[in-house]
Protein backbone atom coordinates (compact mmCIF):
# COMPACT_ATOMS: atom_id res chain seq x y z
CA MET A 1 -9.41 -13.21 1.84
CA ALA A 2 -12.47 -14.23 -0.16
CA SER A 3 -12.62 -14.88 -3.90
CA LEU A 4 -15.80 -13.36 -5.37
CA GLY A 5 -15.57 -14.63 -8.91
CA THR A 6 -14.88 -12.41 -11.89
CA ALA A 7 -16.02 -9.08 -13.39
CA GLN A 8 -15.88 -9.40 -17.18
CA GLY A 9 -13.06 -11.91 -16.83
CA VAL A 10 -11.13 -9.98 -14.19
CA PRO A 11 -10.77 -11.83 -10.86
CA VAL A 12 -12.27 -10.04 -7.84
CA THR A 13 -10.95 -10.73 -4.35
CA LEU A 14 -12.12 -9.31 -1.01
CA VAL A 15 -9.23 -8.69 1.37
CA ARG A 16 -9.80 -8.74 5.13
CA VAL A 17 -8.86 -5.51 6.91
CA ASP A 18 -6.82 -7.51 9.43
CA GLU A 19 -4.97 -9.73 6.97
CA ALA A 20 -1.28 -9.87 7.84
CA ARG A 21 -1.75 -7.11 10.47
CA ALA A 22 -1.77 -7.06 14.23
CA THR A 23 -5.28 -7.45 15.66
CA PRO A 24 -7.08 -5.34 16.78
CA ILE A 25 -6.18 -2.61 14.29
CA TRP A 26 -5.83 0.73 16.09
CA LEU A 27 -6.95 3.71 13.98
CA ASP A 28 -6.25 7.43 14.34
CA GLY A 29 -9.36 8.30 12.31
CA ALA A 30 -12.57 6.74 11.16
CA VAL A 31 -13.04 4.38 8.21
CA PRO A 32 -15.47 5.54 5.50
CA THR A 33 -19.07 4.47 6.00
CA ARG A 34 -20.50 6.19 2.93
CA PRO A 35 -19.16 7.60 -0.36
CA TYR A 36 -17.94 11.17 -0.44
CA MET A 37 -17.86 13.64 -3.28
CA PRO A 38 -14.48 15.31 -3.98
CA ARG A 39 -14.21 18.99 -4.61
CA PRO A 40 -14.30 20.15 -8.25
CA SER A 41 -10.85 20.14 -9.81
CA GLY A 42 -9.61 21.76 -13.03
CA ARG A 43 -6.92 19.09 -13.23
CA ALA A 44 -9.42 16.22 -13.10
CA SER A 45 -10.68 16.79 -16.66
CA ARG A 46 -7.10 16.47 -17.97
CA VAL A 47 -6.57 13.15 -16.12
CA LEU A 48 -9.42 11.57 -18.06
CA ASP A 49 -7.63 11.73 -21.42
CA GLY A 50 -5.63 8.49 -21.17
CA PRO A 51 -7.03 4.95 -21.47
CA GLU A 52 -8.52 3.52 -18.31
CA ALA A 53 -6.92 0.45 -16.81
CA TYR A 54 -10.29 -0.65 -15.45
CA SER A 55 -13.51 0.43 -17.15
CA GLU A 56 -16.67 1.57 -15.41
CA ALA A 57 -18.43 -1.57 -16.58
CA VAL A 58 -15.83 -3.80 -14.92
CA LEU A 59 -15.93 -1.79 -11.68
CA HIS A 60 -19.74 -1.83 -11.54
CA GLU A 61 -19.73 -5.59 -11.99
CA ALA A 62 -17.07 -5.95 -9.29
CA LEU A 63 -19.19 -3.84 -6.91
CA ALA A 64 -22.17 -6.12 -7.63
CA CYS A 65 -20.00 -9.11 -6.62
CA ILE A 66 -19.08 -7.33 -3.37
CA ARG A 67 -22.71 -6.52 -2.52
CA ALA A 68 -23.76 -10.10 -3.26
CA HIS A 69 -21.12 -11.28 -0.79
CA HIS A 70 -22.40 -8.76 1.82
CA ALA A 71 -25.95 -10.07 1.37
CA ALA A 72 -24.87 -13.71 1.61
CA GLN A 73 -22.34 -13.36 4.44
CA PRO A 74 -23.20 -10.37 6.66
CA ASP A 75 -21.32 -11.92 9.57
CA TRP A 76 -18.09 -11.68 7.57
CA TRP A 77 -18.52 -7.93 7.36
CA THR A 78 -19.46 -7.67 11.05
CA CYS A 79 -16.21 -9.40 11.98
CA GLN A 80 -14.32 -6.85 9.93
CA ALA A 81 -15.77 -4.01 11.99
CA ARG A 82 -14.87 -5.80 15.25
CA ALA A 83 -11.18 -5.88 14.23
CA LEU A 84 -11.05 -2.09 14.21
CA ARG A 85 -10.45 0.06 17.32
CA ARG A 86 -10.24 3.81 17.76
CA TRP A 87 -7.51 5.30 19.90
CA PRO A 88 -9.13 6.40 23.18
CA HIS A 89 -7.38 9.78 23.14
CA GLU A 90 -5.57 12.09 20.76
CA ARG A 91 -2.08 10.70 20.29
CA GLY A 92 0.94 12.95 20.15
CA ALA A 93 2.60 13.26 16.74
CA CYS A 94 5.62 10.98 16.64
CA GLU A 95 8.64 12.53 15.01
CA LEU A 96 9.86 9.47 13.14
CA ALA A 97 11.22 11.57 10.27
CA ALA A 98 13.12 13.76 12.73
CA CYS A 99 14.57 10.65 14.37
CA VAL A 100 15.89 9.44 11.00
CA GLU A 101 17.27 12.83 10.10
CA ALA A 102 19.14 13.06 13.37
CA ALA A 103 20.55 9.56 12.89
CA GLU A 104 21.63 10.44 9.31
CA ARG A 105 23.63 13.38 10.72
CA ALA A 106 25.15 11.29 13.47
CA PRO A 107 25.17 7.57 12.62
CA GLY A 108 24.93 5.35 15.69
CA SER A 109 23.30 8.04 17.82
CA SER A 110 19.85 6.40 17.91
CA ARG A 111 18.80 2.97 19.14
CA TRP A 112 15.70 3.18 16.93
CA ALA A 113 16.91 4.40 13.55
CA HIS A 114 19.17 2.29 11.29
CA VAL A 115 18.52 -0.82 13.38
CA VAL A 116 16.37 -3.79 12.33
CA HIS A 117 13.73 -4.58 14.98
CA THR A 118 12.22 -8.05 14.75
CA ASN A 119 9.33 -10.01 16.15
CA ASP A 120 10.05 -13.71 15.69
CA GLY A 121 7.16 -14.84 17.86
CA ALA A 122 3.75 -16.17 16.94
CA SER A 123 1.93 -13.27 18.63
CA GLU A 124 2.07 -9.51 18.27
CA LYS A 125 4.73 -7.43 19.94
CA ARG A 126 4.39 -3.86 21.27
CA ILE A 127 7.19 -1.30 21.09
CA VAL A 128 6.96 2.02 22.92
CA TRP A 129 8.85 4.97 21.46
CA GLU A 130 8.49 8.47 22.92
CA ARG A 131 4.70 8.87 23.53
CA ASP A 132 3.53 6.28 21.00
CA THR A 133 3.05 2.51 20.94
CA TYR A 134 3.72 0.51 17.80
CA VAL A 135 2.43 -2.99 17.25
CA LEU A 136 4.44 -5.51 15.23
CA PRO A 137 2.52 -8.41 13.65
CA PRO A 138 3.79 -11.94 14.28
CA ARG A 139 6.98 -12.93 12.41
CA SER A 140 7.72 -9.43 11.13
CA ALA A 141 10.51 -6.85 11.25
CA PHE A 142 11.06 -3.20 10.44
CA LEU A 143 13.92 -0.78 9.74
CA LEU A 144 13.53 2.94 10.32
CA THR A 145 15.78 4.60 7.72
CA ASP A 146 15.88 6.94 4.74
CA LEU A 147 15.09 4.86 1.65
CA LEU A 148 15.98 7.75 -0.68
CA PRO A 149 19.53 8.61 0.39
CA ARG A 150 21.63 11.05 -1.61
CA GLY A 151 24.22 9.43 -3.84
CA HIS A 152 24.20 5.96 -5.34
CA ARG A 153 24.22 3.98 -2.07
CA VAL A 154 22.07 1.70 0.00
CA PRO A 155 20.27 3.07 3.05
CA HIS A 156 21.86 2.95 6.49
CA GLY A 157 21.08 -0.34 8.22
CA TRP A 158 20.45 -2.13 4.89
CA ALA A 159 23.11 -4.78 5.50
CA ASP A 160 21.05 -6.09 8.42
CA VAL A 161 17.96 -6.30 6.19
CA ARG A 162 19.91 -8.34 3.61
CA ALA A 163 21.25 -10.62 6.35
CA LEU A 164 17.77 -11.21 7.73
CA LEU A 165 16.34 -12.05 4.28
CA SER A 166 19.31 -14.26 3.44
CA ALA A 167 18.68 -16.27 6.62
CA HIS A 168 15.12 -16.89 5.44
CA GLY A 169 15.89 -17.78 1.83
CA GLY A 170 15.62 -14.32 0.24
CA ALA A 171 12.60 -12.20 -0.65
CA SER A 172 9.76 -13.72 -2.67
CA LEU A 173 7.80 -10.46 -2.87
CA VAL A 174 8.99 -6.85 -2.60
CA VAL A 175 6.25 -4.20 -2.25
CA VAL A 176 7.16 -0.56 -2.77
CA ASP A 177 4.85 2.36 -1.95
CA PRO A 178 6.89 5.41 -3.02
CA PRO A 179 6.03 9.02 -1.96
CA TRP A 180 5.15 10.09 -5.54
CA PRO A 181 4.43 13.75 -6.23
CA ASN A 182 0.89 14.01 -4.87
CA LYS A 183 -1.01 17.15 -3.91
CA SER A 184 -3.65 15.29 -1.87
CA ALA A 185 -0.96 13.67 0.32
CA GLU A 186 0.64 17.07 0.94
CA ARG A 187 -2.73 18.58 1.84
CA ALA A 188 -3.45 15.72 4.27
CA GLN A 189 -0.09 16.27 5.95
CA GLY A 190 -0.75 19.98 6.37
CA HIS A 191 -4.38 19.72 7.52
CA SER A 192 -4.39 16.68 9.80
CA GLY A 193 -0.83 15.54 10.26
CA HIS A 194 -1.75 12.09 8.94
CA GLY A 195 -0.33 12.57 5.45
CA TYR A 196 3.31 12.22 4.41
CA GLY A 197 6.00 14.13 2.61
CA THR A 198 6.31 13.56 -1.13
CA VAL A 199 9.11 14.00 -3.65
CA GLN A 200 9.08 16.85 -6.14
CA ASP A 201 9.77 14.74 -9.25
CA VAL A 202 9.26 11.12 -10.24
CA TYR A 203 12.94 10.81 -11.13
CA ASP A 204 13.79 11.19 -7.43
CA MET A 205 12.75 7.50 -7.28
CA TRP A 206 16.04 6.53 -8.97
CA ARG A 207 17.45 6.67 -5.46
CA LEU A 208 15.51 3.49 -4.68
CA ARG A 209 17.54 1.47 -7.16
CA PRO A 210 20.54 0.52 -4.98
CA ALA A 211 18.26 -0.91 -2.25
CA LEU A 212 15.94 -2.70 -4.64
CA GLU A 213 18.80 -4.28 -6.59
CA THR A 214 19.93 -6.07 -3.43
CA LEU A 215 16.47 -7.61 -2.82
CA LEU A 216 15.46 -8.92 -6.22
CA GLY A 217 16.17 -12.53 -7.13
CA PRO A 218 15.24 -14.30 -10.38
CA ASP A 219 11.72 -15.17 -9.21
CA THR A 220 11.11 -12.30 -6.80
CA LEU A 221 7.90 -10.42 -7.52
CA LEU A 222 8.17 -6.62 -7.45
CA ALA A 223 4.94 -4.73 -6.77
CA VAL A 224 5.03 -0.93 -7.05
CA TRP A 225 2.07 1.19 -5.98
CA VAL A 226 1.52 4.10 -8.31
CA THR A 227 -0.78 7.11 -8.55
CA ASN A 228 -3.29 7.40 -11.40
CA ALA A 229 -1.01 9.92 -13.16
CA PRO A 230 0.10 8.40 -16.50
CA ARG A 231 3.56 9.95 -16.09
CA VAL A 232 4.14 8.03 -12.85
CA GLN A 233 2.97 4.75 -14.38
CA ARG A 234 5.16 5.17 -17.47
CA PHE A 235 8.17 5.93 -15.31
CA VAL A 236 7.76 2.59 -13.50
CA THR A 237 6.99 0.41 -16.53
CA ASP A 238 9.38 2.08 -19.00
CA LYS A 239 12.22 3.28 -16.76
CA LEU A 240 12.49 1.87 -13.24
CA MET A 241 11.51 -1.74 -13.91
CA PRO A 242 13.77 -2.15 -17.00
CA ALA A 243 16.68 -0.60 -15.08
CA LEU A 244 16.21 -3.34 -12.46
CA GLY A 245 15.95 -6.09 -15.06
CA VAL A 246 12.25 -6.51 -14.24
CA VAL A 247 9.52 -7.05 -16.87
CA HIS A 248 6.11 -5.58 -16.15
CA GLN A 249 3.61 -8.49 -16.07
CA ALA A 250 0.43 -7.22 -14.38
CA THR A 251 -1.57 -4.15 -13.42
CA TRP A 252 -3.78 -4.79 -10.41
CA ALA A 253 -6.34 -2.46 -8.87
CA TRP A 254 -7.25 -1.83 -5.24
CA LEU A 255 -10.95 -0.91 -5.14
CA LYS A 256 -11.74 1.04 -1.99
CA VAL A 257 -15.14 0.26 -0.47
CA THR A 258 -17.09 1.59 2.47
CA ALA A 259 -17.59 -0.18 5.81
CA PRO A 260 -21.37 -0.70 5.79
CA THR A 261 -23.53 -0.42 8.88
CA ASN A 262 -27.18 -0.70 7.81
CA ALA A 263 -26.59 -0.58 4.07
CA PRO A 264 -24.72 -2.56 1.38
CA PRO A 265 -21.11 -1.57 0.72
CA ASP A 266 -20.30 1.04 -1.89
CA THR A 267 -17.18 2.54 -3.45
CA VAL A 268 -15.65 5.38 -1.45
CA LEU A 269 -15.99 7.58 -4.56
CA PRO A 270 -18.68 7.52 -7.27
CA LEU A 271 -17.98 5.16 -10.12
CA ASP A 272 -19.59 7.36 -12.80
CA ARG A 273 -17.12 9.64 -14.53
CA ASP A 274 -17.62 13.38 -14.10
CA ALA A 275 -14.87 15.60 -15.52
CA ARG A 276 -15.62 18.36 -13.01
CA HIS A 277 -14.60 16.33 -9.94
CA PHE A 278 -13.63 12.89 -11.18
CA ARG A 279 -11.26 10.87 -9.05
CA ARG A 280 -10.90 7.15 -9.31
CA PRO A 281 -12.15 4.94 -6.43
CA TYR A 282 -9.16 2.67 -6.92
CA GLU A 283 -5.38 2.73 -6.86
CA LEU A 284 -3.09 0.73 -9.13
CA VAL A 285 -0.15 -1.54 -8.33
CA LEU A 286 2.23 -2.59 -11.10
CA VAL A 287 3.67 -6.11 -10.75
CA GLY A 288 6.70 -7.58 -12.49
CA ALA A 289 9.64 -9.95 -12.09
CA ARG A 290 12.98 -10.75 -13.71
CA THR A 291 11.60 -14.07 -14.98
CA PRO A 292 7.98 -14.89 -15.99
CA GLN A 293 5.77 -15.66 -12.98
CA PRO A 294 2.23 -17.11 -12.80
CA VAL A 295 0.45 -13.80 -12.09
CA ALA A 296 -2.95 -12.77 -13.49
CA PRO A 297 -2.45 -9.72 -15.74
CA ARG A 298 -5.43 -7.97 -14.07
CA HIS A 299 -6.99 -8.47 -10.67
CA ILE A 300 -9.31 -6.36 -8.47
CA LEU A 301 -8.62 -6.39 -4.76
CA ALA A 302 -11.40 -4.81 -2.67
CA SER A 303 -11.08 -3.73 0.92
CA VAL A 304 -12.03 -0.92 3.35
CA PRO A 305 -9.29 1.75 3.51
CA LEU A 306 -7.84 2.13 7.02
CA GLY A 307 -6.23 5.53 6.64
CA HIS A 308 -4.41 7.77 4.26
CA SER A 309 -2.26 5.61 1.97
CA ALA A 310 -2.70 2.48 4.17
CA LYS A 311 -2.57 -0.20 1.51
CA PRO A 312 -4.02 -3.74 1.73
CA TYR A 313 -1.86 -6.84 2.08
CA LEU A 314 -0.80 -8.29 -1.31
CA GLY A 315 1.05 -11.43 -0.31
CA GLY A 316 -1.97 -13.74 -0.18
CA ALA A 317 -3.45 -12.66 -3.49
CA LEU A 318 -0.09 -12.83 -5.24
CA GLY A 319 0.50 -16.36 -3.95
CA ARG A 320 3.37 -15.35 -1.69
CA GLY A 321 1.50 -15.14 1.61
CA ALA A 322 3.44 -17.96 3.35
CA ARG A 323 6.83 -16.86 2.01
CA ARG A 324 9.17 -13.92 2.53
CA CYS A 325 7.65 -10.51 1.83
CA THR A 326 9.47 -7.17 2.17
């Protein structure tokens, strides 16, 4: 992670692609090397109506900071590229969702679903399931379960998550990346198989409440990734966070940049607004807590996107990198 200064008073931080991940990073696809132009969209012109969280001027200045860093430290960018590896062959689609669905119908029938798998060591750990290999970063754990169960209940296996966190002093940061209603994610799932299923309505996210309520302490930071749809953002700030006793304190942006080869980095989408095909080159994450925390109200995190909806690590920038993140 590298601090690049500020863009009109907004801190700008460059996040390494391998931060808090297993290295090397194995990719199913290629990272962007140059900007691309989205297809014209009739909906895009309607999205422009609301106020922008980050103006074009701020984003242009942030990009200038990133390019200055590239010119001054080209070796840093070269090391980023070395951390990435392509899979040597086409991998079979792993049916993780089907595994969870089967375990939901018959609890205890799977040794993978509803069970917390941990890696307490200082090096990465590989787990083979069906035809695929998964790599766990050092000192990490995962639970394969349905986070949006029907009825007001916690997910299967959640008691083990709570026990693990309790043994380590509780969660200092909880990051949530919900499957918001999103046409682009649905298209990606249908065309390439690398997307994910989404919910039909934002209020389906109420089903997250029982699980989140068990994780949040007085000083726990809650970070929720949102789409650029104002309705989604209002649901989180005006509905979900207040229901959890959380006060919205910050709106951060993840600026997606290209992986340069023989050129300076750029944003993956043009910065200049064009109502015919405008899409933002950044995603927002809303940050809050039950008690006031020392968090900058705005912050730009820049990194190279590693795949559809693969978000950068937030723990370091939020000051919780050495503590307990969920």
